[in-house]
Amino acid sequence: MTYSKDLRQRVLAAVAQGMPPTTASRTFQVSRATLYRWLENPTPKPLPKIRTRKLDSKKLLDHVRRYPDARLRDRAAEFGVCPSAISYRLKQLKVTCKKNSFAIDNAACTNASSISVSCGR
């Protein structure tokens, strides 16, 4: 569970003013282990950076529409990634290979029509 910065500052201020750590942990409902960890390192860790994705979803969907027969390795070469990355992103976008065609879910499309293209495997 992540605690707010405000709570962390209030707990550390209370301990700095002389409140025993055990009492502070009970008062602010924070575990003693967390309180002692905060005392050792009073500044919180920075939040992790959000990764930028190599694959643009809109471009990939457009590529699937324009080149329905392209294989995963062809798409991977086009976007400069490995075929498993293409497969993973298509799965995230709910583009599935049904018998001899890809079916793109309506939610993934910007327009209301569904797209079916040949599988190309």
Foldseek 3Di string as FASTA:
>chain_A
DDDDLVLLVVLVVVVVVPDDLVVSCVVSVHDSVVNVVCVVPVDDDDDDDDDDDLDDLVVLVVCCVVCVQDALCRVCVVSVHHSVVSVVSCVVQVFDADDFWTWGDCVSDPDRDIDIGGHND
